[in-house]
Amino acid sequence: MQPRGQLWFALEGICKDFRSYAGLGEKESLEVLIVVLTNMLAEQKTGLEKLSAQQPPEPGETP
């Protein structure tokens, strides 16, 4: 299995477990998941932007 697929299934399992065992209603657990995952995604995007800014452009690329 590709790393992307492994990540997908791992995250899917974590989300299902959270929804089942968080002690929240269905709607509330989904809302919490969306907020948390959105924040985590924003952090990852910021990290990628920092890494991209540190690397010089490839030959032939416009900065």
PDB file of N, CA and C in Angstrom:
ATOM      1  N   MET A   1       0.849  -1.179   0.000  1.00  0.00           N
ATOM      2  CA  MET A   1       0.000   0.000   0.000  1.00  0.00           C
ATOM      3  C   MET A   1       0.896   1.244   0.000  1.00  0.00           C
ATOM      4  N   GLN A   2       0.484   2.232  -0.735  1.00  0.00           N
ATOM      5  CA  GLN A   2       1.225   3.486  -0.819  1.00  0.00           C
ATOM      6  C   GLN A   2       1.097   4.264   0.495  1.00  0.00           C
ATOM      7  N   PRO A   3       2.108   5.089   0.817  1.00  0.00           N
ATOM      8  CA  PRO A   3       2.037   5.880   2.054  1.00  0.00           C
ATOM      9  C   PRO A   3       0.771   6.731   2.142  1.00  0.00           C
ATOM     10  N   ARG A   4       0.323   7.266   1.011  1.00  0.00           N
ATOM     11  CA  ARG A   4      -0.889   8.096   1.025  1.00  0.00           C
ATOM     12  C   ARG A   4      -2.096   7.269   1.459  1.00  0.00           C
ATOM     13  N   GLY A   5      -2.192   6.043   0.957  1.00  0.00           N
ATOM     14  CA  GLY A   5      -3.292   5.159   1.337  1.00  0.00           C
ATOM     15  C   GLY A   5      -3.221   4.769   2.799  1.00  0.00           C
ATOM     16  N   GLN A   6      -2.011   4.500   3.280  1.00  0.00           N
ATOM     17  CA  GLN A   6      -1.835   4.153   4.691  1.00  0.00           C
ATOM     18  C   GLN A   6      -2.274   5.307   5.577  1.00  0.00           C
ATOM     19  N   LEU A   7      -1.880   6.512   5.200  1.00  0.00           N
ATOM     20  CA  LEU A   7      -2.257   7.694   5.974  1.00  0.00           C
ATOM     21  C   LEU A   7      -3.772   7.866   5.975  1.00  0.00           C
ATOM     22  N   TRP A   8      -4.377   7.711   4.814  1.00  0.00           N
ATOM     23  CA  TRP A   8      -5.833   7.858   4.696  1.00  0.00           C
ATOM     24  C   TRP A   8      -6.551   6.909   5.651  1.00  0.00           C
ATOM     25  N   PHE A   9      -6.182   5.624   5.608  1.00  0.00           N
ATOM     26  CA  PHE A   9      -6.869   4.632   6.436  1.00  0.00           C
ATOM     27  C   PHE A   9      -6.593   4.852   7.922  1.00  0.00           C
ATOM     28  N   ALA A  10      -5.388   5.284   8.265  1.00  0.00           N
ATOM     29  CA  ALA A  10      -5.082   5.562   9.668  1.00  0.00           C
ATOM     30  C   ALA A  10      -5.920   6.735  10.176  1.00  0.00           C
ATOM     31  N   LEU A  11      -5.985   7.808   9.400  1.00  0.00           N
ATOM     32  CA  LEU A  11      -6.778   8.969   9.807  1.00  0.00           C
ATOM     33  C   LEU A  11      -8.268   8.640   9.849  1.00  0.00           C
ATOM     34  N   GLU A  12      -8.720   7.852   8.897  1.00  0.00           N
ATOM     35  CA  GLU A  12     -10.122   7.449   8.877  1.00  0.00           C
ATOM     36  C   GLU A  12     -10.474   6.664  10.144  1.00  0.00           C
ATOM     37  N   GLY A  13      -9.583   5.773  10.558  1.00  0.00           N
ATOM     38  CA  GLY A  13      -9.810   5.003  11.778  1.00  0.00           C
ATOM     39  C   GLY A  13      -9.840   5.882  13.013  1.00  0.00           C
ATOM     40  N   ILE A  14      -8.933   6.839  13.079  1.00  0.00           N
ATOM     41  CA  ILE A  14      -8.896   7.762  14.216  1.00  0.00           C
ATOM     42  C   ILE A  14     -10.182   8.580  14.272  1.00  0.00           C
ATOM     43  N   CYS A  15     -10.637   9.054  13.123  1.00  0.00           N
ATOM     44  CA  CYS A  15     -11.872   9.839  13.081  1.00  0.00           C
ATOM     45  C   CYS A  15     -13.071   9.005  13.525  1.00  0.00           C
ATOM     46  N   LYS A  16     -13.158   7.774  13.048  1.00  0.00           N
ATOM     47  CA  LYS A  16     -14.268   6.894  13.444  1.00  0.00           C
ATOM     48  C   LYS A  16     -14.227   6.611  14.941  1.00  0.00           C
ATOM     49  N   ASP A  17     -13.029   6.343  15.463  1.00  0.00           N
ATOM     50  CA  ASP A  17     -12.894   6.090  16.900  1.00  0.00           C
ATOM     51  C   ASP A  17     -13.309   7.309  17.705  1.00  0.00           C
ATOM     52  N   PHE A  18     -12.875   8.486  17.284  1.00  0.00           N
ATOM     53  CA  PHE A  18     -13.234   9.706  17.998  1.00  0.00           C
ATOM     54  C   PHE A  18     -14.748   9.873  18.026  1.00  0.00           C
ATOM     55  N   ARG A  19     -15.373   9.698  16.866  1.00  0.00           N
ATOM     56  CA  ARG A  19     -16.822   9.868  16.792  1.00  0.00           C
ATOM     57  C   ARG A  19     -17.549   8.852  17.664  1.00  0.00           C
ATOM     58  N   SER A  20     -17.007   7.659  17.778  1.00  0.00           N
ATOM     59  CA  SER A  20     -17.655   6.604  18.565  1.00  0.00           C
ATOM     60  C   SER A  20     -17.457   6.777  20.065  1.00  0.00           C
ATOM     61  N   TYR A  21     -16.281   7.251  20.473  1.00  0.00           N
ATOM     62  CA  TYR A  21     -15.927   7.219  21.894  1.00  0.00           C
ATOM     63  C   TYR A  21     -15.739   8.587  22.539  1.00  0.00           C
ATOM     64  N   ALA A  22     -16.024   9.671  21.827  1.00  0.00           N
ATOM     65  CA  ALA A  22     -15.814  11.008  22.394  1.00  0.00           C
ATOM     66  C   ALA A  22     -16.896  11.393  23.392  1.00  0.00           C
ATOM     67  N   GLY A  23     -18.002  10.689  23.365  1.00  0.00           N
ATOM     68  CA  GLY A  23     -19.089  11.035  24.270  1.00  0.00           C
ATOM     69  C   GLY A  23     -19.878  12.249  23.799  1.00  0.00           C
ATOM     70  N   LEU A  24     -19.741  12.582  22.526  1.00  0.00           N
ATOM     71  CA  LEU A  24     -20.457  13.720  21.956  1.00  0.00           C
ATOM     72  C   LEU A  24     -21.532  13.201  21.011  1.00  0.00           C
ATOM     73  N   GLY A  25     -22.483  14.061  20.708  1.00  0.00           N
ATOM     74  CA  GLY A  25     -23.482  13.702  19.709  1.00  0.00           C
ATOM     75  C   GLY A  25     -22.839  13.627  18.331  1.00  0.00           C
ATOM     76  N   GLU A  26     -23.562  13.047  17.388  1.00  0.00           N
ATOM     77  CA  GLU A  26     -23.014  12.858  16.041  1.00  0.00           C
ATOM     78  C   GLU A  26     -22.606  14.185  15.395  1.00  0.00           C
ATOM     79  N   LYS A  27     -23.494  15.174  15.463  1.00  0.00           N
ATOM     80  CA  LYS A  27     -23.206  16.474  14.848  1.00  0.00           C
ATOM     81  C   LYS A  27     -22.034  17.160  15.546  1.00  0.00           C
ATOM     82  N   GLU A  28     -22.051  17.161  16.869  1.00  0.00           N
ATOM     83  CA  GLU A  28     -20.996  17.834  17.625  1.00  0.00           C
ATOM     84  C   GLU A  28     -19.637  17.174  17.404  1.00  0.00           C
ATOM     85  N   SER A  29     -19.603  15.863  17.350  1.00  0.00           N
ATOM     86  CA  SER A  29     -18.323  15.182  17.123  1.00  0.00           C
ATOM     87  C   SER A  29     -17.770  15.508  15.737  1.00  0.00           C
ATOM     88  N   LEU A  30     -18.647  15.603  14.745  1.00  0.00           N
ATOM     89  CA  LEU A  30     -18.194  15.985  13.404  1.00  0.00           C
ATOM     90  C   LEU A  30     -17.682  17.420  13.381  1.00  0.00           C
ATOM     91  N   GLU A  31     -18.371  18.309  14.083  1.00  0.00           N
ATOM     92  CA  GLU A  31     -17.929  19.706  14.138  1.00  0.00           C
ATOM     93  C   GLU A  31     -16.550  19.815  14.782  1.00  0.00           C
ATOM     94  N   VAL A  32     -16.344  19.088  15.876  1.00  0.00           N
ATOM     95  CA  VAL A  32     -15.046  19.109  16.552  1.00  0.00           C
ATOM     96  C   VAL A  32     -13.966  18.557  15.633  1.00  0.00           C
ATOM     97  N   LEU A  33     -14.245  17.446  14.972  1.00  0.00           N
ATOM     98  CA  LEU A  33     -13.276  16.864  14.044  1.00  0.00           C
ATOM     99  C   LEU A  33     -12.902  17.841  12.944  1.00  0.00           C
ATOM    100  N   ILE A  34     -13.888  18.516  12.385  1.00  0.00           N
ATOM    101  CA  ILE A  34     -13.620  19.458  11.304  1.00  0.00           C
ATOM    102  C   ILE A  34     -12.743  20.604  11.787  1.00  0.00           C
ATOM    103  N   VAL A  35     -13.026  21.136  12.958  1.00  0.00           N
ATOM    104  CA  VAL A  35     -12.212  22.230  13.499  1.00  0.00           C
ATOM    105  C   VAL A  35     -10.776  21.767  13.734  1.00  0.00           C
ATOM    106  N   VAL A  36     -10.627  20.620  14.381  1.00  0.00           N
ATOM    107  CA  VAL A  36      -9.287  20.114  14.699  1.00  0.00           C
ATOM    108  C   VAL A  36      -8.505  19.795  13.427  1.00  0.00           C
ATOM    109  N   LEU A  37      -9.133  19.088  12.499  1.00  0.00           N
ATOM    110  CA  LEU A  37      -8.432  18.718  11.265  1.00  0.00           C
ATOM    111  C   LEU A  37      -8.114  19.941  10.408  1.00  0.00           C
ATOM    112  N   THR A  38      -9.000  20.934  10.392  1.00  0.00           N
ATOM    113  CA  THR A  38      -8.735  22.172   9.654  1.00  0.00           C
ATOM    114  C   THR A  38      -7.532  22.896  10.246  1.00  0.00           C
ATOM    115  N   ASN A  39      -7.465  22.955  11.571  1.00  0.00           N
ATOM    116  CA  ASN A  39      -6.322  23.601  12.225  1.00  0.00           C
ATOM    117  C   ASN A  39      -5.028  22.841  11.955  1.00  0.00           C
ATOM    118  N   MET A  40      -5.103  21.521  12.003  1.00  0.00           N
ATOM    119  CA  MET A  40      -3.909  20.717  11.727  1.00  0.00           C
ATOM    120  C   MET A  40      -3.453  20.903  10.283  1.00  0.00           C
ATOM    121  N   LEU A  41      -4.397  20.963   9.360  1.00  0.00           N
ATOM    122  CA  LEU A  41      -4.065  21.176   7.956  1.00  0.00           C
ATOM    123  C   LEU A  41      -3.410  22.540   7.763  1.00  0.00           C
ATOM    124  N   ALA A  42      -3.925  23.555   8.440  1.00  0.00           N
ATOM    125  CA  ALA A  42      -3.334  24.891   8.347  1.00  0.00           C
ATOM    126  C   ALA A  42      -1.895  24.883   8.859  1.00  0.00           C
ATOM    127  N   GLU A  43      -1.637  24.160   9.941  1.00  0.00           N
ATOM    128  CA  GLU A  43      -0.269  24.057  10.463  1.00  0.00           C
ATOM    129  C   GLU A  43       0.650  23.379   9.455  1.00  0.00           C
ATOM    130  N   GLN A  44       0.166  22.330   8.820  1.00  0.00           N
ATOM    131  CA  GLN A  44       0.977  21.617   7.833  1.00  0.00           C
ATOM    132  C   GLN A  44       1.256  22.503   6.619  1.00  0.00           C
ATOM    133  N   LYS A  45       0.256  23.273   6.187  1.00  0.00           N
ATOM    134  CA  LYS A  45       0.451  24.185   5.057  1.00  0.00           C
ATOM    135  C   LYS A  45       1.492  25.243   5.397  1.00  0.00           C
ATOM    136  N   THR A  46       1.450  25.757   6.618  1.00  0.00           N
ATOM    137  CA  THR A  46       2.433  26.749   7.054  1.00  0.00           C
ATOM    138  C   THR A  46       3.829  26.149   7.032  1.00  0.00           C
ATOM    139  N   GLY A  47       3.963  24.929   7.508  1.00  0.00           N
ATOM    140  CA  GLY A  47       5.257  24.248   7.474  1.00  0.00           C
ATOM    141  C   GLY A  47       5.763  24.064   6.061  1.00  0.00           C
ATOM    142  N   LEU A  48       4.881  23.697   5.146  1.00  0.00           N
ATOM    143  CA  LEU A  48       5.264  23.525   3.744  1.00  0.00           C
ATOM    144  C   LEU A  48       5.676  24.856   3.130  1.00  0.00           C
ATOM    145  N   GLU A  49       4.949  25.917   3.439  1.00  0.00           N
ATOM    146  CA  GLU A  49       5.293  27.242   2.921  1.00  0.00           C
ATOM    147  C   GLU A  49       6.671  27.672   3.409  1.00  0.00           C
ATOM    148  N   LYS A  50       6.979  27.400   4.676  1.00  0.00           N
ATOM    149  CA  LYS A  50       8.296  27.747   5.213  1.00  0.00           C
ATOM    150  C   LYS A  50       9.389  26.972   4.496  1.00  0.00           C
ATOM    151  N   LEU A  51       9.167  25.681   4.281  1.00  0.00           N
ATOM    152  CA  LEU A  51      10.157  24.867   3.568  1.00  0.00           C
ATOM    153  C   LEU A  51      10.320  25.339   2.136  1.00  0.00           C
ATOM    154  N   SER A  52       9.223  25.673   1.490  1.00  0.00           N
ATOM    155  CA  SER A  52       9.276  26.130   0.102  1.00  0.00           C
ATOM    156  C   SER A  52      10.005  27.463  -0.003  1.00  0.00           C
ATOM    157  N   ALA A  53       9.831  28.328   0.984  1.00  0.00           N
ATOM    158  CA  ALA A  53      10.486  29.635   0.965  1.00  0.00           C
ATOM    159  C   ALA A  53      11.993  29.507   1.169  1.00  0.00           C
ATOM    160  N   GLN A  54      12.436  28.462   1.855  1.00  0.00           N
ATOM    161  CA  GLN A  54      13.860  28.272   2.126  1.00  0.00           C
ATOM    162  C   GLN A  54      14.608  27.717   0.931  1.00  0.00           C
ATOM    163  N   GLN A  55      13.910  27.025   0.050  1.00  0.00           N
ATOM    164  CA  GLN A  55      14.574  26.379  -1.073  1.00  0.00           C
ATOM    165  C   GLN A  55      14.634  27.331  -2.257  1.00  0.00           C
ATOM    166  N   PRO A  56      15.808  27.411  -2.904  1.00  0.00           N
ATOM    167  CA  PRO A  56      15.892  28.258  -4.093  1.00  0.00           C
ATOM    168  C   PRO A  56      15.054  27.645  -5.212  1.00  0.00           C
ATOM    169  N   PRO A  57      14.542  28.484  -6.123  1.00  0.00           N
ATOM    170  CA  PRO A  57      13.735  27.936  -7.213  1.00  0.00           C
ATOM    171  C   PRO A  57      14.557  27.024  -8.112  1.00  0.00           C
ATOM    172  N   GLU A  58      13.902  26.030  -8.668  1.00  0.00           N
ATOM    173  CA  GLU A  58      14.554  25.114  -9.601  1.00  0.00           C
ATOM    174  C   GLU A  58      14.940  25.888 -10.860  1.00  0.00           C
ATOM    175  N   PRO A  59      15.995  25.440 -11.548  1.00  0.00           N
ATOM    176  CA  PRO A  59      16.355  26.108 -12.807  1.00  0.00           C
ATOM    177  C   PRO A  59      15.174  26.094 -13.776  1.00  0.00           C
ATOM    178  N   GLY A  60      14.900  27.243 -14.362  1.00  0.00           N
ATOM    179  CA  GLY A  60      13.788  27.354 -15.293  1.00  0.00           C
ATOM    180  C   GLY A  60      12.486  27.770 -14.638  1.00  0.00           C
ATOM    181  N   GLU A  61      12.428  27.763 -13.297  1.00  0.00           N
ATOM    182  CA  GLU A  61      11.216  28.197 -12.589  1.00  0.00           C
ATOM    183  C   GLU A  61      11.274  29.692 -12.361  1.00  0.00           C
ATOM    184  N   THR A  62      10.108  30.308 -12.340  1.00  0.00           N
ATOM    185  CA  THR A  62      10.053  31.729 -12.008  1.00  0.00           C
ATOM    186  C   THR A  62       9.862  31.865 -10.511  1.00  0.00           C
ATOM    187  N   PRO A  63      10.662  32.680  -9.863  1.00  0.00           N
ATOM    188  CA  PRO A  63      10.523  32.839  -8.407  1.00  0.00           C
ATOM    189  C   PRO A  63       9.232  33.504  -8.021  1.00  0.00           C
TER     190      PRO A  63
END
